Protein backbone atom coordinates (compact mmCIF):
# COMPACT_ATOMS: atom_id res chain seq x y z
CA UNK A 1 0.00 0.00 0.00
CA UNK A 2 1.11 3.60 -0.56
CA UNK A 3 1.41 5.20 2.88
CA UNK A 4 2.92 8.62 3.53
CA UNK A 5 5.13 8.42 0.46
CA UNK A 6 6.78 11.73 1.30
CA UNK A 7 8.34 10.11 4.37
CA UNK A 8 10.37 7.70 2.25
CA UNK A 9 13.54 8.50 0.33
CA UNK A 10 14.94 6.89 -2.79
CA UNK A 11 17.63 5.36 -0.60
CA UNK A 12 14.94 3.71 1.53
CA UNK A 13 13.35 2.17 -1.54
CA UNK A 14 16.62 1.03 -3.04
CA UNK A 15 17.52 -0.68 0.22
CA UNK A 16 13.93 -2.10 0.37
CA UNK A 17 13.14 -0.48 3.72
CA UNK A 18 9.68 0.76 2.75
CA UNK A 19 6.98 -1.49 3.17
CA UNK A 20 -32.15 5.41 -28.10
CA UNK A 21 -32.49 2.11 -26.24
CA UNK A 22 -31.11 0.00 -29.12
CA UNK A 23 -28.37 2.49 -29.84
CA UNK A 24 -27.47 2.62 -26.19
CA UNK A 25 -27.29 -1.14 -26.05
CA UNK A 26 -25.08 -1.28 -29.12
CA UNK A 27 -22.92 1.45 -27.68
CA UNK A 28 -22.30 -0.53 -24.53
CA UNK A 29 -21.57 -3.64 -26.56
CA UNK A 30 -18.96 -1.82 -28.63
CA UNK A 31 -17.33 -0.01 -25.73
CA UNK A 32 -17.54 -2.48 -22.87
CA UNK A 33 -13.83 -3.02 -22.29
CA UNK A 34 -12.45 -1.10 -19.34
CA UNK A 35 -8.70 -0.56 -19.25
CA UNK A 36 -7.81 -0.68 -15.61
CA UNK A 37 -8.02 -4.45 -15.27
CA UNK A 38 -4.84 -4.79 -17.32
CA UNK A 39 -1.46 -4.84 -15.62
CA UNK A 40 1.38 -2.39 -16.30
CA UNK A 41 0.83 0.27 -18.91
CA UNK A 42 4.13 0.39 -20.72
CA UNK A 43 7.88 0.67 -20.70
CA UNK A 44 9.66 3.94 -21.32
CA UNK A 45 11.79 3.54 -24.44
CA UNK A 46 9.80 0.73 -26.07
CA UNK A 47 9.96 2.49 -29.43
CA UNK A 48 13.74 2.66 -29.53
CA UNK A 49 15.75 0.47 -31.86
CA UNK A 50 18.63 -1.78 -30.89
CA UNK A 51 20.01 -1.72 -34.43
CA UNK A 52 22.66 0.91 -33.80
CA UNK A 53 23.27 0.09 -30.16
CA UNK A 54 26.51 -1.20 -28.73
CA UNK A 55 26.62 -4.93 -28.06
CA UNK A 56 26.00 -5.62 -24.40
CA UNK A 57 26.81 -8.73 -22.41
CA UNK A 58 26.36 -9.43 -18.72
CA UNK A 59 28.22 -11.51 -16.19
CA UNK A 60 26.67 -13.97 -13.74
CA UNK A 61 25.79 -11.13 -11.36
CA UNK A 62 23.99 -9.08 -13.98
CA UNK A 63 26.81 -6.56 -14.46
CA UNK A 64 27.20 -5.22 -17.97
CA UNK A 65 30.37 -5.76 -19.96
CA UNK A 66 30.98 -3.70 -23.08
CA UNK A 67 33.98 -3.07 -25.31
CA UNK A 68 34.19 0.52 -24.14
CA UNK A 69 32.31 1.41 -20.98
CA UNK A 70 32.39 5.11 -20.06
CA UNK A 71 33.68 6.00 -16.62
CA UNK A 72 30.33 7.51 -15.71
CA UNK A 73 27.17 6.95 -17.71
CA UNK A 74 24.10 9.15 -17.73
CA UNK A 75 20.83 7.77 -16.32
CA UNK A 76 19.38 7.84 -19.83
CA UNK A 77 22.25 5.73 -21.17
CA UNK A 78 21.79 3.26 -18.32
CA UNK A 79 18.11 2.92 -19.15
CA UNK A 80 18.84 2.33 -22.83
CA UNK A 81 21.24 -0.43 -21.84
CA UNK A 82 18.67 -1.87 -19.44
CA UNK A 83 15.98 -1.83 -22.12
CA UNK A 84 18.32 -3.69 -24.45
CA UNK A 85 19.05 -6.33 -21.83
CA UNK A 86 15.39 -6.72 -20.90
CA UNK A 87 14.50 -7.64 -24.47
CA UNK A 88 16.63 -10.78 -24.15
CA UNK A 89 14.08 -12.11 -21.69
CA UNK A 90 14.95 -13.92 -18.47
CA UNK A 91 18.67 -14.01 -19.28
CA UNK A 92 18.80 -10.20 -19.30
CA UNK A 93 16.48 -9.37 -16.40
CA UNK A 94 19.13 -9.30 -13.65
CA UNK A 95 21.28 -6.83 -15.56
CA UNK A 96 18.29 -4.70 -16.55
CA UNK A 97 17.04 -4.58 -12.98
CA UNK A 98 20.44 -3.47 -11.68
CA UNK A 99 20.71 -0.68 -14.26
CA UNK A 100 17.14 0.52 -13.73
CA UNK A 101 17.81 0.71 -9.99
CA UNK A 102 21.01 2.66 -10.56
CA UNK A 103 19.29 5.18 -12.85
CA UNK A 104 16.17 5.37 -10.67
CA UNK A 105 18.31 6.16 -7.65
CA UNK A 106 19.55 9.29 -9.39
CA UNK A 107 15.97 10.51 -9.75
CA UNK A 108 15.47 9.65 -13.43
CA UNK A 109 11.71 9.22 -13.93
CA UNK A 110 11.79 6.84 -16.95
CA UNK A 111 14.00 4.47 -14.95
CA UNK A 112 11.63 4.70 -12.00
CA UNK A 113 8.71 3.79 -14.25
CA UNK A 114 10.54 0.85 -15.77
CA UNK A 115 11.62 -0.35 -12.34
CA UNK A 116 7.96 -0.29 -11.35
CA UNK A 117 7.21 -2.45 -14.38
CA UNK A 118 9.89 -4.94 -13.34
CA UNK A 119 8.34 -5.26 -9.89
CA UNK A 120 4.80 -5.50 -11.24
CA UNK A 121 5.68 -8.20 -13.77
CA UNK A 122 8.19 -10.02 -11.58
CA UNK A 123 11.05 -9.63 -14.06
CA UNK A 124 14.35 -10.41 -12.36
CA UNK A 125 12.74 -10.02 -8.94
CA UNK A 126 9.78 -11.44 -7.03
CA UNK A 127 6.59 -9.73 -8.17
CA UNK A 128 5.67 -6.99 -5.69
CA UNK A 129 2.65 -4.89 -6.60
CA UNK A 130 3.19 -2.57 -3.62
CA UNK A 131 6.75 -1.70 -4.67
CA UNK A 132 5.54 -1.28 -8.24
CA UNK A 133 2.96 1.25 -7.08
CA UNK A 134 5.56 3.10 -5.02
CA UNK A 135 7.89 3.51 -7.99
CA UNK A 136 5.03 4.50 -10.29
CA UNK A 137 4.03 7.21 -7.84
CA UNK A 138 7.57 8.60 -7.63
CA UNK A 139 7.84 8.68 -11.43
CA UNK A 140 4.30 9.99 -11.91
CA UNK A 141 4.99 12.95 -9.66
CA UNK A 142 7.78 13.91 -12.04
CA UNK A 143 5.38 13.84 -15.00
CA UNK A 144 6.29 10.45 -16.49
CA UNK A 145 3.25 9.54 -18.61
CA UNK A 146 3.54 5.74 -18.49
CA UNK A 147 3.80 5.84 -14.70
CA UNK A 148 0.84 8.21 -14.42
CA UNK A 149 -1.21 5.80 -16.51
CA UNK A 150 -0.19 2.72 -14.50
CA UNK A 151 -0.78 4.49 -11.19
CA UNK A 152 -4.17 5.76 -12.33
CA UNK A 153 -5.34 2.28 -13.25
CA UNK A 154 -4.03 0.88 -9.96
CA UNK A 155 -5.96 3.49 -7.99
CA UNK A 156 -9.15 2.84 -9.94
CA UNK A 157 -8.89 -0.92 -9.42
CA UNK A 158 -7.39 -0.81 -5.92
CA UNK A 159 -4.35 -2.86 -6.94
CA UNK A 160 -1.30 -2.24 -4.76
CA UNK A 161 -2.91 0.90 -3.37
CA UNK A 162 -6.09 1.84 -1.56
CA UNK A 163 -8.83 2.32 -4.15
CA UNK A 164 -9.42 5.97 -5.00
CA UNK A 165 -11.36 6.30 -8.24
CA UNK A 166 -11.33 10.10 -8.34
CA UNK A 167 -7.57 10.27 -7.84
CA UNK A 168 -7.06 7.46 -10.34
CA UNK A 169 -8.99 9.29 -13.04
CA UNK A 170 -7.03 12.46 -12.27
CA UNK A 171 -3.80 10.56 -12.95
CA UNK A 172 -5.22 9.16 -16.18
CA UNK A 173 -6.02 12.70 -17.29
CA UNK A 174 -2.51 13.87 -16.46
CA UNK A 175 -1.09 10.99 -18.47
CA UNK A 176 -3.42 11.69 -21.39
CA UNK A 177 -2.53 15.39 -21.40
CA UNK A 178 1.13 14.43 -21.38
CA UNK A 179 0.53 12.62 -24.68
CA UNK A 180 0.09 9.00 -23.56
CA UNK A 181 -2.25 7.44 -26.13
CA UNK A 182 -3.41 4.50 -24.03
CA UNK A 183 -4.53 6.83 -21.25
CA UNK A 184 -6.59 8.79 -23.79
CA UNK A 185 -8.24 5.54 -24.88
CA UNK A 186 -8.94 4.56 -21.27
CA UNK A 187 -10.66 7.89 -20.62
CA UNK A 188 -12.69 7.54 -23.81
CA UNK A 189 -13.97 4.13 -22.67
CA UNK A 190 -14.76 5.35 -19.17
CA UNK A 191 -16.74 8.34 -20.46
CA UNK A 192 -18.54 6.23 -23.08
CA UNK A 193 -19.61 3.59 -20.61
CA UNK A 194 -20.40 5.98 -17.78
CA UNK A 195 -18.73 3.86 -15.13
CA UNK A 196 -16.98 5.87 -12.38
CA UNK A 197 -17.97 9.07 -14.21
CA UNK A 198 -21.23 10.34 -15.61
CA UNK A 199 -21.56 9.21 -19.21
CA UNK A 200 -20.39 11.98 -21.52
CA UNK A 201 -20.28 11.06 -25.20
CA UNK A 202 -18.70 14.37 -26.19
CA UNK A 203 -15.82 13.71 -23.83
CA UNK A 204 -15.57 10.13 -25.09
CA UNK A 205 -15.29 11.33 -28.68
CA UNK A 206 -12.78 14.00 -27.65
CA UNK A 207 -10.51 11.42 -26.03
CA UNK A 208 -10.87 9.02 -28.96
CA UNK A 209 -9.77 11.88 -31.21
CA UNK A 210 -6.74 12.47 -28.99
CA UNK A 211 -5.91 8.76 -28.92
CA UNK A 212 -6.23 8.63 -32.71
CA UNK A 213 -3.95 11.65 -33.11
CA UNK A 214 -1.36 9.89 -30.96
CA UNK A 215 -1.55 6.71 -33.02
CA UNK A 216 -3.67 4.42 -30.83
CA UNK A 217 -4.65 1.52 -33.16
CA UNK A 218 -8.36 1.18 -32.31
CA UNK A 219 -9.13 4.85 -31.81
CA UNK A 220 -10.43 5.75 -35.26
CA UNK A 221 -12.78 2.77 -35.43
CA UNK A 222 -14.08 3.36 -31.90
CA UNK A 223 -14.63 7.07 -32.54
CA UNK A 224 -16.45 6.46 -35.82
CA UNK A 225 -18.61 3.74 -34.27
CA UNK A 226 -19.60 6.01 -31.40
CA UNK A 227 -20.34 8.95 -33.70
CA UNK A 228 -22.45 6.73 -35.97
CA UNK A 229 -24.46 5.32 -33.07
CA UNK A 230 -25.11 8.80 -31.71
CA UNK A 231 -26.25 10.02 -35.13
CA UNK A 232 -28.59 7.03 -35.50
CA UNK A 233 -29.99 7.61 -32.04
CA UNK A 234 -30.61 11.30 -32.80
CA UNK A 235 -32.38 10.38 -36.06
CA UNK A 236 -34.63 7.87 -34.28
CA UNK A 237 -35.63 10.49 -31.74
C-alpha atoms as a PDB file:
ATOM      1  CA  UNK A   1       0.000   0.000   0.000  1.00  0.00           C
ATOM      2  CA  UNK A   2       1.112   3.603  -0.564  1.00  0.00           C
ATOM      3  CA  UNK A   3       1.414   5.201   2.876  1.00  0.00           C
ATOM      4  CA  UNK A   4       2.920   8.621   3.530  1.00  0.00           C
ATOM      5  CA  UNK A   5       5.129   8.418   0.460  1.00  0.00           C
ATOM      6  CA  UNK A   6       6.781  11.733   1.298  1.00  0.00           C
ATOM      7  CA  UNK A   7       8.336  10.112   4.371  1.00  0.00           C
ATOM      8  CA  UNK A   8      10.375   7.704   2.254  1.00  0.00           C
ATOM      9  CA  UNK A   9      13.538   8.503   0.331  1.00  0.00           C
ATOM     10  CA  UNK A  10      14.938   6.887  -2.786  1.00  0.00           C
ATOM     11  CA  UNK A  11      17.626   5.361  -0.599  1.00  0.00           C
ATOM     12  CA  UNK A  12      14.944   3.706   1.530  1.00  0.00           C
ATOM     13  CA  UNK A  13      13.348   2.169  -1.538  1.00  0.00           C
ATOM     14  CA  UNK A  14      16.618   1.026  -3.043  1.00  0.00           C
ATOM     15  CA  UNK A  15      17.515  -0.677   0.225  1.00  0.00           C
ATOM     16  CA  UNK A  16      13.933  -2.102   0.370  1.00  0.00           C
ATOM     17  CA  UNK A  17      13.143  -0.485   3.718  1.00  0.00           C
ATOM     18  CA  UNK A  18       9.683   0.760   2.752  1.00  0.00           C
ATOM     19  CA  UNK A  19       6.976  -1.490   3.171  1.00  0.00           C
ATOM     20  CA  UNK A  20     -32.148   5.408 -28.096  1.00  0.00           C
ATOM     21  CA  UNK A  21     -32.489   2.109 -26.235  1.00  0.00           C
ATOM     22  CA  UNK A  22     -31.109  -0.005 -29.117  1.00  0.00           C
ATOM     23  CA  UNK A  23     -28.368   2.492 -29.840  1.00  0.00           C
ATOM     24  CA  UNK A  24     -27.474   2.622 -26.187  1.00  0.00           C
ATOM     25  CA  UNK A  25     -27.292  -1.136 -26.055  1.00  0.00           C
ATOM     26  CA  UNK A  26     -25.075  -1.283 -29.123  1.00  0.00           C
ATOM     27  CA  UNK A  27     -22.918   1.452 -27.681  1.00  0.00           C
ATOM     28  CA  UNK A  28     -22.304  -0.526 -24.532  1.00  0.00           C
ATOM     29  CA  UNK A  29     -21.574  -3.643 -26.561  1.00  0.00           C
ATOM     30  CA  UNK A  30     -18.963  -1.820 -28.631  1.00  0.00           C
ATOM     31  CA  UNK A  31     -17.329  -0.007 -25.728  1.00  0.00           C
ATOM     32  CA  UNK A  32     -17.544  -2.479 -22.872  1.00  0.00           C
ATOM     33  CA  UNK A  33     -13.830  -3.025 -22.291  1.00  0.00           C
ATOM     34  CA  UNK A  34     -12.455  -1.098 -19.344  1.00  0.00           C
ATOM     35  CA  UNK A  35      -8.702  -0.556 -19.246  1.00  0.00           C
ATOM     36  CA  UNK A  36      -7.806  -0.680 -15.605  1.00  0.00           C
ATOM     37  CA  UNK A  37      -8.024  -4.447 -15.266  1.00  0.00           C
ATOM     38  CA  UNK A  38      -4.840  -4.788 -17.319  1.00  0.00           C
ATOM     39  CA  UNK A  39      -1.455  -4.836 -15.617  1.00  0.00           C
ATOM     40  CA  UNK A  40       1.377  -2.395 -16.295  1.00  0.00           C
ATOM     41  CA  UNK A  41       0.830   0.272 -18.908  1.00  0.00           C
ATOM     42  CA  UNK A  42       4.125   0.392 -20.724  1.00  0.00           C
ATOM     43  CA  UNK A  43       7.882   0.671 -20.699  1.00  0.00           C
ATOM     44  CA  UNK A  44       9.660   3.944 -21.320  1.00  0.00           C
ATOM     45  CA  UNK A  45      11.786   3.541 -24.443  1.00  0.00           C
ATOM     46  CA  UNK A  46       9.805   0.729 -26.065  1.00  0.00           C
ATOM     47  CA  UNK A  47       9.963   2.493 -29.427  1.00  0.00           C
ATOM     48  CA  UNK A  48      13.738   2.658 -29.526  1.00  0.00           C
ATOM     49  CA  UNK A  49      15.754   0.475 -31.857  1.00  0.00           C
ATOM     50  CA  UNK A  50      18.626  -1.783 -30.893  1.00  0.00           C
ATOM     51  CA  UNK A  51      20.010  -1.718 -34.433  1.00  0.00           C
ATOM     52  CA  UNK A  52      22.659   0.912 -33.798  1.00  0.00           C
ATOM     53  CA  UNK A  53      23.273   0.087 -30.163  1.00  0.00           C
ATOM     54  CA  UNK A  54      26.510  -1.197 -28.731  1.00  0.00           C
ATOM     55  CA  UNK A  55      26.623  -4.929 -28.060  1.00  0.00           C
ATOM     56  CA  UNK A  56      25.998  -5.616 -24.397  1.00  0.00           C
ATOM     57  CA  UNK A  57      26.814  -8.735 -22.407  1.00  0.00           C
ATOM     58  CA  UNK A  58      26.360  -9.432 -18.721  1.00  0.00           C
ATOM     59  CA  UNK A  59      28.225 -11.506 -16.192  1.00  0.00           C
ATOM     60  CA  UNK A  60      26.668 -13.966 -13.745  1.00  0.00           C
ATOM     61  CA  UNK A  61      25.791 -11.133 -11.358  1.00  0.00           C
ATOM     62  CA  UNK A  62      23.994  -9.080 -13.976  1.00  0.00           C
ATOM     63  CA  UNK A  63      26.809  -6.564 -14.461  1.00  0.00           C
ATOM     64  CA  UNK A  64      27.204  -5.220 -17.968  1.00  0.00           C
ATOM     65  CA  UNK A  65      30.372  -5.760 -19.958  1.00  0.00           C
ATOM     66  CA  UNK A  66      30.983  -3.701 -23.083  1.00  0.00           C
ATOM     67  CA  UNK A  67      33.978  -3.070 -25.307  1.00  0.00           C
ATOM     68  CA  UNK A  68      34.190   0.519 -24.137  1.00  0.00           C
ATOM     69  CA  UNK A  69      32.307   1.405 -20.980  1.00  0.00           C
ATOM     70  CA  UNK A  70      32.390   5.114 -20.059  1.00  0.00           C
ATOM     71  CA  UNK A  71      33.683   6.002 -16.623  1.00  0.00           C
ATOM     72  CA  UNK A  72      30.330   7.515 -15.715  1.00  0.00           C
ATOM     73  CA  UNK A  73      27.171   6.953 -17.714  1.00  0.00           C
ATOM     74  CA  UNK A  74      24.104   9.146 -17.731  1.00  0.00           C
ATOM     75  CA  UNK A  75      20.834   7.774 -16.315  1.00  0.00           C
ATOM     76  CA  UNK A  76      19.382   7.837 -19.828  1.00  0.00           C
ATOM     77  CA  UNK A  77      22.254   5.732 -21.170  1.00  0.00           C
ATOM     78  CA  UNK A  78      21.789   3.264 -18.324  1.00  0.00           C
ATOM     79  CA  UNK A  79      18.108   2.919 -19.149  1.00  0.00           C
ATOM     80  CA  UNK A  80      18.838   2.334 -22.832  1.00  0.00           C
ATOM     81  CA  UNK A  81      21.237  -0.434 -21.839  1.00  0.00           C
ATOM     82  CA  UNK A  82      18.673  -1.874 -19.439  1.00  0.00           C
ATOM     83  CA  UNK A  83      15.975  -1.834 -22.120  1.00  0.00           C
ATOM     84  CA  UNK A  84      18.316  -3.685 -24.453  1.00  0.00           C
ATOM     85  CA  UNK A  85      19.052  -6.334 -21.834  1.00  0.00           C
ATOM     86  CA  UNK A  86      15.389  -6.722 -20.901  1.00  0.00           C
ATOM     87  CA  UNK A  87      14.498  -7.642 -24.472  1.00  0.00           C
ATOM     88  CA  UNK A  88      16.630 -10.783 -24.152  1.00  0.00           C
ATOM     89  CA  UNK A  89      14.079 -12.112 -21.688  1.00  0.00           C
ATOM     90  CA  UNK A  90      14.952 -13.924 -18.470  1.00  0.00           C
ATOM     91  CA  UNK A  91      18.670 -14.006 -19.277  1.00  0.00           C
ATOM     92  CA  UNK A  92      18.800 -10.203 -19.295  1.00  0.00           C
ATOM     93  CA  UNK A  93      16.483  -9.368 -16.396  1.00  0.00           C
ATOM     94  CA  UNK A  94      19.129  -9.305 -13.647  1.00  0.00           C
ATOM     95  CA  UNK A  95      21.279  -6.830 -15.561  1.00  0.00           C
ATOM     96  CA  UNK A  96      18.291  -4.703 -16.552  1.00  0.00           C
ATOM     97  CA  UNK A  97      17.040  -4.581 -12.984  1.00  0.00           C
ATOM     98  CA  UNK A  98      20.441  -3.466 -11.677  1.00  0.00           C
ATOM     99  CA  UNK A  99      20.712  -0.679 -14.262  1.00  0.00           C
ATOM    100  CA  UNK A 100      17.141   0.519 -13.727  1.00  0.00           C
ATOM    101  CA  UNK A 101      17.807   0.706  -9.986  1.00  0.00           C
ATOM    102  CA  UNK A 102      21.007   2.657 -10.563  1.00  0.00           C
ATOM    103  CA  UNK A 103      19.295   5.180 -12.846  1.00  0.00           C
ATOM    104  CA  UNK A 104      16.172   5.368 -10.675  1.00  0.00           C
ATOM    105  CA  UNK A 105      18.310   6.155  -7.651  1.00  0.00           C
ATOM    106  CA  UNK A 106      19.554   9.289  -9.394  1.00  0.00           C
ATOM    107  CA  UNK A 107      15.966  10.507  -9.746  1.00  0.00           C
ATOM    108  CA  UNK A 108      15.473   9.652 -13.427  1.00  0.00           C
ATOM    109  CA  UNK A 109      11.712   9.217 -13.932  1.00  0.00           C
ATOM    110  CA  UNK A 110      11.792   6.841 -16.953  1.00  0.00           C
ATOM    111  CA  UNK A 111      14.004   4.466 -14.952  1.00  0.00           C
ATOM    112  CA  UNK A 112      11.634   4.701 -12.004  1.00  0.00           C
ATOM    113  CA  UNK A 113       8.708   3.793 -14.251  1.00  0.00           C
ATOM    114  CA  UNK A 114      10.541   0.845 -15.773  1.00  0.00           C
ATOM    115  CA  UNK A 115      11.619  -0.347 -12.344  1.00  0.00           C
ATOM    116  CA  UNK A 116       7.959  -0.289 -11.347  1.00  0.00           C
ATOM    117  CA  UNK A 117       7.212  -2.449 -14.378  1.00  0.00           C
ATOM    118  CA  UNK A 118       9.890  -4.936 -13.337  1.00  0.00           C
ATOM    119  CA  UNK A 119       8.340  -5.258  -9.889  1.00  0.00           C
ATOM    120  CA  UNK A 120       4.799  -5.504 -11.243  1.00  0.00           C
ATOM    121  CA  UNK A 121       5.678  -8.201 -13.769  1.00  0.00           C
ATOM    122  CA  UNK A 122       8.194 -10.024 -11.577  1.00  0.00           C
ATOM    123  CA  UNK A 123      11.046  -9.631 -14.065  1.00  0.00           C
ATOM    124  CA  UNK A 124      14.352 -10.411 -12.355  1.00  0.00           C
ATOM    125  CA  UNK A 125      12.741 -10.023  -8.941  1.00  0.00           C
ATOM    126  CA  UNK A 126       9.779 -11.443  -7.034  1.00  0.00           C
ATOM    127  CA  UNK A 127       6.589  -9.727  -8.172  1.00  0.00           C
ATOM    128  CA  UNK A 128       5.669  -6.995  -5.694  1.00  0.00           C
ATOM    129  CA  UNK A 129       2.648  -4.886  -6.597  1.00  0.00           C
ATOM    130  CA  UNK A 130       3.187  -2.568  -3.622  1.00  0.00           C
ATOM    131  CA  UNK A 131       6.746  -1.703  -4.672  1.00  0.00           C
ATOM    132  CA  UNK A 132       5.539  -1.280  -8.245  1.00  0.00           C
ATOM    133  CA  UNK A 133       2.960   1.250  -7.081  1.00  0.00           C
ATOM    134  CA  UNK A 134       5.561   3.099  -5.020  1.00  0.00           C
ATOM    135  CA  UNK A 135       7.894   3.510  -7.994  1.00  0.00           C
ATOM    136  CA  UNK A 136       5.034   4.497 -10.293  1.00  0.00           C
ATOM    137  CA  UNK A 137       4.030   7.210  -7.840  1.00  0.00           C
ATOM    138  CA  UNK A 138       7.566   8.596  -7.633  1.00  0.00           C
ATOM    139  CA  UNK A 139       7.842   8.682 -11.433  1.00  0.00           C
ATOM    140  CA  UNK A 140       4.301   9.991 -11.909  1.00  0.00           C
ATOM    141  CA  UNK A 141       4.987  12.952  -9.655  1.00  0.00           C
ATOM    142  CA  UNK A 142       7.777  13.909 -12.045  1.00  0.00           C
ATOM    143  CA  UNK A 143       5.378  13.844 -15.002  1.00  0.00           C
ATOM    144  CA  UNK A 144       6.286  10.449 -16.489  1.00  0.00           C
ATOM    145  CA  UNK A 145       3.253   9.541 -18.614  1.00  0.00           C
ATOM    146  CA  UNK A 146       3.543   5.741 -18.488  1.00  0.00           C
ATOM    147  CA  UNK A 147       3.797   5.837 -14.705  1.00  0.00           C
ATOM    148  CA  UNK A 148       0.843   8.211 -14.418  1.00  0.00           C
ATOM    149  CA  UNK A 149      -1.208   5.799 -16.510  1.00  0.00           C
ATOM    150  CA  UNK A 150      -0.188   2.725 -14.500  1.00  0.00           C
ATOM    151  CA  UNK A 151      -0.776   4.491 -11.189  1.00  0.00           C
ATOM    152  CA  UNK A 152      -4.170   5.761 -12.332  1.00  0.00           C
ATOM    153  CA  UNK A 153      -5.343   2.277 -13.250  1.00  0.00           C
ATOM    154  CA  UNK A 154      -4.027   0.879  -9.960  1.00  0.00           C
ATOM    155  CA  UNK A 155      -5.957   3.488  -7.991  1.00  0.00           C
ATOM    156  CA  UNK A 156      -9.152   2.838  -9.944  1.00  0.00           C
ATOM    157  CA  UNK A 157      -8.891  -0.920  -9.421  1.00  0.00           C
ATOM    158  CA  UNK A 158      -7.392  -0.814  -5.919  1.00  0.00           C
ATOM    159  CA  UNK A 159      -4.351  -2.859  -6.943  1.00  0.00           C
ATOM    160  CA  UNK A 160      -1.304  -2.241  -4.763  1.00  0.00           C
ATOM    161  CA  UNK A 161      -2.911   0.899  -3.370  1.00  0.00           C
ATOM    162  CA  UNK A 162      -6.089   1.845  -1.564  1.00  0.00           C
ATOM    163  CA  UNK A 163      -8.828   2.319  -4.150  1.00  0.00           C
ATOM    164  CA  UNK A 164      -9.425   5.966  -5.000  1.00  0.00           C
ATOM    165  CA  UNK A 165     -11.355   6.300  -8.240  1.00  0.00           C
ATOM    166  CA  UNK A 166     -11.328  10.095  -8.339  1.00  0.00           C
ATOM    167  CA  UNK A 167      -7.570  10.272  -7.843  1.00  0.00           C
ATOM    168  CA  UNK A 168      -7.061   7.463 -10.340  1.00  0.00           C
ATOM    169  CA  UNK A 169      -8.988   9.289 -13.043  1.00  0.00           C
ATOM    170  CA  UNK A 170      -7.032  12.461 -12.275  1.00  0.00           C
ATOM    171  CA  UNK A 171      -3.798  10.562 -12.947  1.00  0.00           C
ATOM    172  CA  UNK A 172      -5.220   9.156 -16.181  1.00  0.00           C
ATOM    173  CA  UNK A 173      -6.024  12.701 -17.287  1.00  0.00           C
ATOM    174  CA  UNK A 174      -2.506  13.869 -16.463  1.00  0.00           C
ATOM    175  CA  UNK A 175      -1.088  10.987 -18.473  1.00  0.00           C
ATOM    176  CA  UNK A 176      -3.416  11.688 -21.391  1.00  0.00           C
ATOM    177  CA  UNK A 177      -2.532  15.391 -21.398  1.00  0.00           C
ATOM    178  CA  UNK A 178       1.132  14.429 -21.382  1.00  0.00           C
ATOM    179  CA  UNK A 179       0.525  12.617 -24.675  1.00  0.00           C
ATOM    180  CA  UNK A 180       0.091   8.998 -23.558  1.00  0.00           C
ATOM    181  CA  UNK A 181      -2.249   7.444 -26.129  1.00  0.00           C
ATOM    182  CA  UNK A 182      -3.412   4.497 -24.025  1.00  0.00           C
ATOM    183  CA  UNK A 183      -4.527   6.835 -21.247  1.00  0.00           C
ATOM    184  CA  UNK A 184      -6.594   8.789 -23.792  1.00  0.00           C
ATOM    185  CA  UNK A 185      -8.236   5.537 -24.876  1.00  0.00           C
ATOM    186  CA  UNK A 186      -8.944   4.558 -21.272  1.00  0.00           C
ATOM    187  CA  UNK A 187     -10.657   7.892 -20.619  1.00  0.00           C
ATOM    188  CA  UNK A 188     -12.693   7.541 -23.807  1.00  0.00           C
ATOM    189  CA  UNK A 189     -13.967   4.131 -22.672  1.00  0.00           C
ATOM    190  CA  UNK A 190     -14.759   5.349 -19.171  1.00  0.00           C
ATOM    191  CA  UNK A 191     -16.737   8.342 -20.456  1.00  0.00           C
ATOM    192  CA  UNK A 192     -18.536   6.232 -23.081  1.00  0.00           C
ATOM    193  CA  UNK A 193     -19.609   3.587 -20.606  1.00  0.00           C
ATOM    194  CA  UNK A 194     -20.404   5.981 -17.775  1.00  0.00           C
ATOM    195  CA  UNK A 195     -18.726   3.862 -15.125  1.00  0.00           C
ATOM    196  CA  UNK A 196     -16.980   5.868 -12.382  1.00  0.00           C
ATOM    197  CA  UNK A 197     -17.967   9.072 -14.213  1.00  0.00           C
ATOM    198  CA  UNK A 198     -21.233  10.336 -15.613  1.00  0.00           C
ATOM    199  CA  UNK A 199     -21.557   9.213 -19.205  1.00  0.00           C
ATOM    200  CA  UNK A 200     -20.393  11.976 -21.522  1.00  0.00           C
ATOM    201  CA  UNK A 201     -20.278  11.058 -25.196  1.00  0.00           C
ATOM    202  CA  UNK A 202     -18.698  14.366 -26.193  1.00  0.00           C
ATOM    203  CA  UNK A 203     -15.824  13.710 -23.828  1.00  0.00           C
ATOM    204  CA  UNK A 204     -15.575  10.134 -25.091  1.00  0.00           C
ATOM    205  CA  UNK A 205     -15.293  11.333 -28.675  1.00  0.00           C
ATOM    206  CA  UNK A 206     -12.783  13.997 -27.648  1.00  0.00           C
ATOM    207  CA  UNK A 207     -10.508  11.425 -26.027  1.00  0.00           C
ATOM    208  CA  UNK A 208     -10.867   9.025 -28.960  1.00  0.00           C
ATOM    209  CA  UNK A 209      -9.775  11.879 -31.213  1.00  0.00           C
ATOM    210  CA  UNK A 210      -6.744  12.468 -28.987  1.00  0.00           C
ATOM    211  CA  UNK A 211      -5.912   8.761 -28.923  1.00  0.00           C
ATOM    212  CA  UNK A 212      -6.231   8.634 -32.710  1.00  0.00           C
ATOM    213  CA  UNK A 213      -3.947  11.649 -33.111  1.00  0.00           C
ATOM    214  CA  UNK A 214      -1.361   9.890 -30.962  1.00  0.00           C
ATOM    215  CA  UNK A 215      -1.547   6.707 -33.016  1.00  0.00           C
ATOM    216  CA  UNK A 216      -3.669   4.419 -30.831  1.00  0.00           C
ATOM    217  CA  UNK A 217      -4.650   1.523 -33.159  1.00  0.00           C
ATOM    218  CA  UNK A 218      -8.361   1.183 -32.309  1.00  0.00           C
ATOM    219  CA  UNK A 219      -9.128   4.852 -31.806  1.00  0.00           C
ATOM    220  CA  UNK A 220     -10.433   5.749 -35.258  1.00  0.00           C
ATOM    221  CA  UNK A 221     -12.782   2.765 -35.426  1.00  0.00           C
ATOM    222  CA  UNK A 222     -14.079   3.364 -31.899  1.00  0.00           C
ATOM    223  CA  UNK A 223     -14.631   7.067 -32.543  1.00  0.00           C
ATOM    224  CA  UNK A 224     -16.447   6.463 -35.823  1.00  0.00           C
ATOM    225  CA  UNK A 225     -18.608   3.741 -34.265  1.00  0.00           C
ATOM    226  CA  UNK A 226     -19.595   6.007 -31.402  1.00  0.00           C
ATOM    227  CA  UNK A 227     -20.337   8.955 -33.700  1.00  0.00           C
ATOM    228  CA  UNK A 228     -22.446   6.733 -35.969  1.00  0.00           C
ATOM    229  CA  UNK A 229     -24.458   5.324 -33.073  1.00  0.00           C
ATOM    230  CA  UNK A 230     -25.106   8.799 -31.706  1.00  0.00           C
ATOM    231  CA  UNK A 231     -26.254  10.018 -35.128  1.00  0.00           C
ATOM    232  CA  UNK A 232     -28.586   7.027 -35.505  1.00  0.00           C
ATOM    233  CA  UNK A 233     -29.987   7.615 -32.036  1.00  0.00           C
ATOM    234  CA  UNK A 234     -30.613  11.301 -32.801  1.00  0.00           C
ATOM    235  CA  UNK A 235     -32.378  10.378 -36.056  1.00  0.00           C
ATOM    236  CA  UNK A 236     -34.632   7.868 -34.276  1.00  0.00           C
ATOM    237  CA  UNK A 237     -35.634  10.492 -31.744  1.00  0.00           C
END
